């Protein structure tokens, strides 16, 4: 939350307390984040000078990136779970919980970031009327990006290559044709 001269009285913390990043006193304008202090079971806040919030965020994201690189996996977060949930909702997606988790892990290991994941899920759900399998998902991904593991794949459903991206406004038959192709019809 951003506080300035007009609303700083509404801040959870006290203006004048130290900036979480640099430690210098805070005066409006400032940024305040709230969270739960589990040691005392109360809400707590941290406040930043606007520039310190930027510096802190850069360093926090760098630490996340280093963690992901060191562990070879993207950190699970709600946006990723939502995207994977869309794939899981496709007809014929595996029902077995262990297989579902393995498929989710495999899909997350293809992509480099959430932007690529969201693009991949959108394209797969546009092109296929039901779960096409991991090899088709990989082929869709490879049509635009290089997978993190470097393993390329080609579509068995679209032997001439994954169709170019077309908005449904320009080609309302795209999804219908995709369903027919996924079912082996021409």
C-alpha atoms as a PDB file:
ATOM      1  CA  UNK A   1       0.000   0.000   0.000  1.00  0.00           C
ATOM      2  CA  UNK A   2       1.268   3.480  -0.818  1.00  0.00           C
ATOM      3  CA  UNK A   3       0.905   6.224   1.762  1.00  0.00           C
ATOM      4  CA  UNK A   4       1.379   9.948   1.277  1.00  0.00           C
ATOM      5  CA  UNK A   5       0.603  13.118   3.253  1.00  0.00           C
ATOM      6  CA  UNK A   6      -3.166  12.651   2.788  1.00  0.00           C
ATOM      7  CA  UNK A   7      -3.532   9.113   4.143  1.00  0.00           C
ATOM      8  CA  UNK A   8      -0.449   8.237   6.191  1.00  0.00           C
ATOM      9  CA  UNK A   9      -2.576   8.167   9.381  1.00  0.00           C
ATOM     10  CA  UNK A  10      -4.144   4.940   8.001  1.00  0.00           C
ATOM     11  CA  UNK A  11      -0.803   3.146   7.917  1.00  0.00           C
ATOM     12  CA  UNK A  12      -0.589   0.015  10.014  1.00  0.00           C
ATOM     13  CA  UNK A  13       2.909   0.877  11.179  1.00  0.00           C
ATOM     14  CA  UNK A  14       4.045   4.221  12.482  1.00  0.00           C
ATOM     15  CA  UNK A  15       5.446   6.842  10.126  1.00  0.00           C
ATOM     16  CA  UNK A  16       8.908   7.602  11.397  1.00  0.00           C
ATOM     17  CA  UNK A  17       9.788   3.956  12.019  1.00  0.00           C
ATOM     18  CA  UNK A  18      12.812   2.733  10.125  1.00  0.00           C
ATOM     19  CA  UNK A  19      12.730   1.679   6.485  1.00  0.00           C
ATOM     20  CA  UNK A  20      12.948  -2.113   6.287  1.00  0.00           C
ATOM     21  CA  UNK A  21      15.684  -1.849   3.625  1.00  0.00           C
ATOM     22  CA  UNK A  22      17.930   1.057   4.651  1.00  0.00           C
ATOM     23  CA  UNK A  23      16.884   1.611   8.270  1.00  0.00           C
ATOM     24  CA  UNK A  24      16.472   5.386   7.913  1.00  0.00           C
ATOM     25  CA  UNK A  25      13.288   6.996   9.323  1.00  0.00           C
ATOM     26  CA  UNK A  26      10.193   6.920   7.091  1.00  0.00           C
ATOM     27  CA  UNK A  27       8.152   9.984   6.238  1.00  0.00           C
ATOM     28  CA  UNK A  28       5.429  10.227   3.553  1.00  0.00           C
ATOM     29  CA  UNK A  29       5.413   9.154   0.823  1.00  0.00           C
ATOM     30  CA  UNK A  30       6.237   5.549   1.712  1.00  0.00           C
ATOM     31  CA  UNK A  31       5.229   2.003   0.874  1.00  0.00           C
ATOM     32  CA  UNK A  32       3.950  -0.402   3.508  1.00  0.00           C
ATOM     33  CA  UNK A  33       3.439  -4.160   3.261  1.00  0.00           C
ATOM     34  CA  UNK A  34       1.452  -6.196   5.756  1.00  0.00           C
ATOM     35  CA  UNK A  35       1.926  -9.768   6.870  1.00  0.00           C
ATOM     36  CA  UNK A  36       1.481 -12.082   9.811  1.00  0.00           C
ATOM     37  CA  UNK A  37       4.087 -12.155  12.557  1.00  0.00           C
ATOM     38  CA  UNK A  38       3.608 -15.794  13.476  1.00  0.00           C
ATOM     39  CA  UNK A  39       5.823 -15.538  16.556  1.00  0.00           C
ATOM     40  CA  UNK A  40       3.304 -13.187  18.147  1.00  0.00           C
ATOM     41  CA  UNK A  41       0.211 -14.182  16.113  1.00  0.00           C
ATOM     42  CA  UNK A  42      -0.417 -10.566  15.076  1.00  0.00           C
ATOM     43  CA  UNK A  43      -0.285  -8.595  11.857  1.00  0.00           C
ATOM     44  CA  UNK A  44       2.942  -6.732  11.282  1.00  0.00           C
ATOM     45  CA  UNK A  45       4.111  -4.283   8.653  1.00  0.00           C
ATOM     46  CA  UNK A  46       7.282  -3.289   6.915  1.00  0.00           C
ATOM     47  CA  UNK A  47       7.767   0.134   5.407  1.00  0.00           C
ATOM     48  CA  UNK A  48      10.009   1.306   2.601  1.00  0.00           C
ATOM     49  CA  UNK A  49      11.059   4.518   0.982  1.00  0.00           C
ATOM     50  CA  UNK A  50       9.815   4.178  -2.628  1.00  0.00           C
ATOM     51  CA  UNK A  51      13.367   3.796  -3.988  1.00  0.00           C
ATOM     52  CA  UNK A  52      14.243   1.273  -1.288  1.00  0.00           C
ATOM     53  CA  UNK A  53      11.168  -0.797  -2.247  1.00  0.00           C
ATOM     54  CA  UNK A  54      12.556  -1.013  -5.793  1.00  0.00           C
ATOM     55  CA  UNK A  55      16.032  -2.001  -4.584  1.00  0.00           C
ATOM     56  CA  UNK A  56      14.595  -4.582  -2.168  1.00  0.00           C
ATOM     57  CA  UNK A  57      12.349  -6.094  -4.870  1.00  0.00           C
ATOM     58  CA  UNK A  58      15.241  -6.398  -7.328  1.00  0.00           C
ATOM     59  CA  UNK A  59      17.333  -8.232  -4.765  1.00  0.00           C
ATOM     60  CA  UNK A  60      14.440 -10.426  -3.678  1.00  0.00           C
ATOM     61  CA  UNK A  61      13.731 -11.480  -7.282  1.00  0.00           C
ATOM     62  CA  UNK A  62      17.437 -12.126  -7.845  1.00  0.00           C
ATOM     63  CA  UNK A  63      17.422 -14.433  -4.804  1.00  0.00           C
ATOM     64  CA  UNK A  64      14.369 -16.248  -6.176  1.00  0.00           C
ATOM     65  CA  UNK A  65      16.115 -16.670  -9.539  1.00  0.00           C
ATOM     66  CA  UNK A  66      19.281 -17.999  -7.852  1.00  0.00           C
ATOM     67  CA  UNK A  67      17.180 -20.444  -5.828  1.00  0.00           C
ATOM     68  CA  UNK A  68      15.377 -21.682  -8.953  1.00  0.00           C
ATOM     69  CA  UNK A  69      18.665 -22.099 -10.833  1.00  0.00           C
ATOM     70  CA  UNK A  70      20.315 -23.931  -7.934  1.00  0.00           C
ATOM     71  CA  UNK A  71      17.374 -26.320  -7.605  1.00  0.00           C
ATOM     72  CA  UNK A  72      16.627 -26.677 -11.324  1.00  0.00           C
ATOM     73  CA  UNK A  73      12.910 -25.936 -10.804  1.00  0.00           C
ATOM     74  CA  UNK A  74      10.580 -22.978 -10.835  1.00  0.00           C
ATOM     75  CA  UNK A  75       9.072 -22.098  -7.487  1.00  0.00           C
ATOM     76  CA  UNK A  76       5.405 -23.099  -7.279  1.00  0.00           C
ATOM     77  CA  UNK A  77       3.121 -20.079  -6.977  1.00  0.00           C
ATOM     78  CA  UNK A  78      -0.633 -19.438  -7.335  1.00  0.00           C
ATOM     79  CA  UNK A  79      -0.393 -18.162 -10.941  1.00  0.00           C
ATOM     80  CA  UNK A  80       1.425 -21.299 -11.990  1.00  0.00           C
ATOM     81  CA  UNK A  81      -1.052 -23.519 -10.162  1.00  0.00           C
ATOM     82  CA  UNK A  82      -3.927 -21.738 -11.912  1.00  0.00           C
ATOM     83  CA  UNK A  83      -2.329 -22.214 -15.330  1.00  0.00           C
ATOM     84  CA  UNK A  84      -1.611 -25.883 -14.678  1.00  0.00           C
ATOM     85  CA  UNK A  85      -5.177 -26.203 -13.347  1.00  0.00           C
ATOM     86  CA  UNK A  86      -6.479 -25.135 -16.764  1.00  0.00           C
ATOM     87  CA  UNK A  87      -4.557 -27.983 -18.382  1.00  0.00           C
ATOM     88  CA  UNK A  88      -5.829 -30.401 -15.724  1.00  0.00           C
ATOM     89  CA  UNK A  89      -9.398 -29.392 -16.551  1.00  0.00           C
ATOM     90  CA  UNK A  90      -9.040 -30.545 -20.161  1.00  0.00           C
ATOM     91  CA  UNK A  91     -10.968 -33.707 -21.063  1.00  0.00           C
ATOM     92  CA  UNK A  92      -8.775 -36.834 -20.972  1.00  0.00           C
ATOM     93  CA  UNK A  93      -6.187 -35.289 -18.627  1.00  0.00           C
ATOM     94  CA  UNK A  94      -4.805 -38.161 -16.495  1.00  0.00           C
ATOM     95  CA  UNK A  95      -6.929 -38.851 -13.405  1.00  0.00           C
ATOM     96  CA  UNK A  96      -4.275 -40.562 -11.256  1.00  0.00           C
ATOM     97  CA  UNK A  97      -2.949 -37.983  -8.721  1.00  0.00           C
ATOM     98  CA  UNK A  98       0.672 -39.128  -9.063  1.00  0.00           C
ATOM     99  CA  UNK A  99       0.515 -38.924 -12.860  1.00  0.00           C
ATOM    100  CA  UNK A 100      -1.160 -35.514 -12.650  1.00  0.00           C
ATOM    101  CA  UNK A 101       1.666 -34.239 -10.448  1.00  0.00           C
ATOM    102  CA  UNK A 102       4.336 -35.712 -12.716  1.00  0.00           C
ATOM    103  CA  UNK A 103       2.724 -34.090 -15.768  1.00  0.00           C
ATOM    104  CA  UNK A 104       2.509 -30.755 -13.928  1.00  0.00           C
ATOM    105  CA  UNK A 105       6.181 -30.982 -12.967  1.00  0.00           C
ATOM    106  CA  UNK A 106       7.173 -31.837 -16.539  1.00  0.00           C
ATOM    107  CA  UNK A 107       5.240 -28.872 -17.951  1.00  0.00           C
ATOM    108  CA  UNK A 108       6.779 -26.498 -15.392  1.00  0.00           C
ATOM    109  CA  UNK A 109      10.256 -27.764 -16.274  1.00  0.00           C
ATOM    110  CA  UNK A 110       9.764 -26.796 -19.933  1.00  0.00           C
ATOM    111  CA  UNK A 111       9.154 -23.104 -19.320  1.00  0.00           C
ATOM    112  CA  UNK A 112      11.465 -20.364 -18.138  1.00  0.00           C
ATOM    113  CA  UNK A 113       8.879 -18.113 -16.505  1.00  0.00           C
ATOM    114  CA  UNK A 114       5.225 -17.546 -15.823  1.00  0.00           C
ATOM    115  CA  UNK A 115       4.744 -15.572 -19.053  1.00  0.00           C
ATOM    116  CA  UNK A 116       5.851 -18.568 -21.119  1.00  0.00           C
ATOM    117  CA  UNK A 117       3.680 -20.901 -19.032  1.00  0.00           C
ATOM    118  CA  UNK A 118       0.573 -18.776 -19.523  1.00  0.00           C
ATOM    119  CA  UNK A 119       1.271 -18.561 -23.263  1.00  0.00           C
ATOM    120  CA  UNK A 120       1.723 -22.353 -23.450  1.00  0.00           C
ATOM    121  CA  UNK A 121      -1.505 -23.104 -21.585  1.00  0.00           C
ATOM    122  CA  UNK A 122      -3.449 -20.658 -23.755  1.00  0.00           C
ATOM    123  CA  UNK A 123      -2.072 -22.179 -26.964  1.00  0.00           C
ATOM    124  CA  UNK A 124      -2.638 -25.792 -25.886  1.00  0.00           C
ATOM    125  CA  UNK A 125      -6.235 -25.088 -24.877  1.00  0.00           C
ATOM    126  CA  UNK A 126      -6.802 -23.236 -28.176  1.00  0.00           C
ATOM    127  CA  UNK A 127      -5.325 -25.962 -30.347  1.00  0.00           C
ATOM    128  CA  UNK A 128      -6.639 -29.109 -28.684  1.00  0.00           C
ATOM    129  CA  UNK A 129     -10.139 -30.047 -27.579  1.00  0.00           C
ATOM    130  CA  UNK A 130      -8.821 -32.546 -25.065  1.00  0.00           C
ATOM    131  CA  UNK A 131      -5.547 -33.317 -23.309  1.00  0.00           C
ATOM    132  CA  UNK A 132      -3.092 -34.033 -26.152  1.00  0.00           C
ATOM    133  CA  UNK A 133      -0.303 -35.554 -24.055  1.00  0.00           C
ATOM    134  CA  UNK A 134       3.077 -34.209 -23.035  1.00  0.00           C
ATOM    135  CA  UNK A 135       4.700 -34.681 -26.429  1.00  0.00           C
ATOM    136  CA  UNK A 136       2.121 -32.383 -28.071  1.00  0.00           C
ATOM    137  CA  UNK A 137       2.450 -29.851 -25.247  1.00  0.00           C
ATOM    138  CA  UNK A 138       6.206 -29.878 -25.777  1.00  0.00           C
ATOM    139  CA  UNK A 139       5.719 -29.478 -29.538  1.00  0.00           C
ATOM    140  CA  UNK A 140       3.516 -26.424 -28.980  1.00  0.00           C
ATOM    141  CA  UNK A 141       6.121 -24.936 -26.649  1.00  0.00           C
ATOM    142  CA  UNK A 142       8.938 -25.659 -29.137  1.00  0.00           C
ATOM    143  CA  UNK A 143       6.992 -23.840 -31.851  1.00  0.00           C
ATOM    144  CA  UNK A 144       7.887 -20.581 -30.102  1.00  0.00           C
ATOM    145  CA  UNK A 145      10.495 -21.206 -27.378  1.00  0.00           C
ATOM    146  CA  UNK A 146      13.515 -23.384 -26.724  1.00  0.00           C
ATOM    147  CA  UNK A 147      12.811 -25.732 -23.798  1.00  0.00           C
ATOM    148  CA  UNK A 148      14.997 -25.450 -20.706  1.00  0.00           C
ATOM    149  CA  UNK A 149      16.184 -29.036 -21.141  1.00  0.00           C
ATOM    150  CA  UNK A 150      16.968 -28.442 -24.842  1.00  0.00           C
ATOM    151  CA  UNK A 151      14.849 -31.382 -26.049  1.00  0.00           C
ATOM    152  CA  UNK A 152      12.863 -30.359 -29.134  1.00  0.00           C
ATOM    153  CA  UNK A 153       9.587 -32.026 -30.152  1.00  0.00           C
ATOM    154  CA  UNK A 154       7.376 -31.999 -33.220  1.00  0.00           C
ATOM    155  CA  UNK A 155       3.639 -32.425 -33.410  1.00  0.00           C
ATOM    156  CA  UNK A 156       2.022 -35.668 -34.489  1.00  0.00           C
ATOM    157  CA  UNK A 157      -1.361 -33.936 -34.732  1.00  0.00           C
ATOM    158  CA  UNK A 158      -0.037 -31.070 -36.851  1.00  0.00           C
ATOM    159  CA  UNK A 159       2.569 -32.734 -39.124  1.00  0.00           C
ATOM    160  CA  UNK A 160       2.998 -29.502 -41.111  1.00  0.00           C
ATOM    161  CA  UNK A 161       3.842 -27.662 -37.896  1.00  0.00           C
ATOM    162  CA  UNK A 162       1.862 -26.010 -35.125  1.00  0.00           C
ATOM    163  CA  UNK A 163      -0.530 -23.446 -36.677  1.00  0.00           C
ATOM    164  CA  UNK A 164       0.498 -19.833 -36.365  1.00  0.00           C
ATOM    165  CA  UNK A 165      -1.098 -17.822 -33.634  1.00  0.00           C
ATOM    166  CA  UNK A 166      -4.360 -16.358 -34.845  1.00  0.00           C
ATOM    167  CA  UNK A 167      -6.832 -14.555 -32.671  1.00  0.00           C
ATOM    168  CA  UNK A 168     -10.298 -16.159 -32.559  1.00  0.00           C
ATOM    169  CA  UNK A 169     -11.674 -12.857 -33.919  1.00  0.00           C
ATOM    170  CA  UNK A 170      -9.712 -13.365 -37.144  1.00  0.00           C
ATOM    171  CA  UNK A 171     -10.316 -17.116 -37.401  1.00  0.00           C
ATOM    172  CA  UNK A 172     -13.365 -18.370 -35.477  1.00  0.00           C
ATOM    173  CA  UNK A 173     -12.888 -21.862 -36.941  1.00  0.00           C
ATOM    174  CA  UNK A 174      -9.465 -22.328 -35.323  1.00  0.00           C
ATOM    175  CA  UNK A 175     -10.718 -24.096 -32.231  1.00  0.00           C
ATOM    176  CA  UNK A 176     -13.236 -26.228 -34.147  1.00  0.00           C
ATOM    177  CA  UNK A 177     -10.546 -27.364 -36.614  1.00  0.00           C
ATOM    178  CA  UNK A 178      -8.212 -28.085 -33.715  1.00  0.00           C
ATOM    179  CA  UNK A 179     -10.771 -30.354 -32.047  1.00  0.00           C
ATOM    180  CA  UNK A 180     -11.279 -32.261 -35.306  1.00  0.00           C
ATOM    181  CA  UNK A 181      -7.515 -32.675 -35.818  1.00  0.00           C
ATOM    182  CA  UNK A 182      -7.018 -33.814 -32.233  1.00  0.00           C
ATOM    183  CA  UNK A 183      -9.599 -36.532 -32.886  1.00  0.00           C
ATOM    184  CA  UNK A 184      -7.814 -37.618 -36.063  1.00  0.00           C
ATOM    185  CA  UNK A 185     -10.241 -36.055 -38.521  1.00  0.00           C
ATOM    186  CA  UNK A 186      -9.308 -33.737 -41.377  1.00  0.00           C
END
